[in-house]
Amino acid sequence: MFDIVAADYEPKPARATYERFFARHNIEPRRAAMFEDLERNLIVPDASGMRTVLVVPQSSKSVEREDWELAGLAAPHVHFVTDDLARFLGRLTSAEGLA
């Protein structure tokens, strides 16, 4: 678990928060992926070497999301975009022979 208290009350997308997370959990960024629902929170993980996945469920736009939250789908720090995380992960594990 890594919450706002563990982050020393410094929220994403602050670089220091990601560095604390990497150190606390012994994460090698180049061997990890960041799944996030806000594009701006993927800038630092990309710069740190992580693969990034923007999760934007289609049903969320009309009910819960504002246009600014859906911006950046084609940003260079967004490696993958999915509207179905379970299906995305299923395809990933099948492609890697892990399923």
Foldseek 3Di string as FASTA:
>chain_A
DCDCVLQVVDDPPDLSSVVSVCVVVVNQLLVAEDEEQAPRSQPNSLVSNHAYEHADAPVCDVPPDDPNRVPDCPPPSHRYYYNDVVVVVVVVCVVVVND
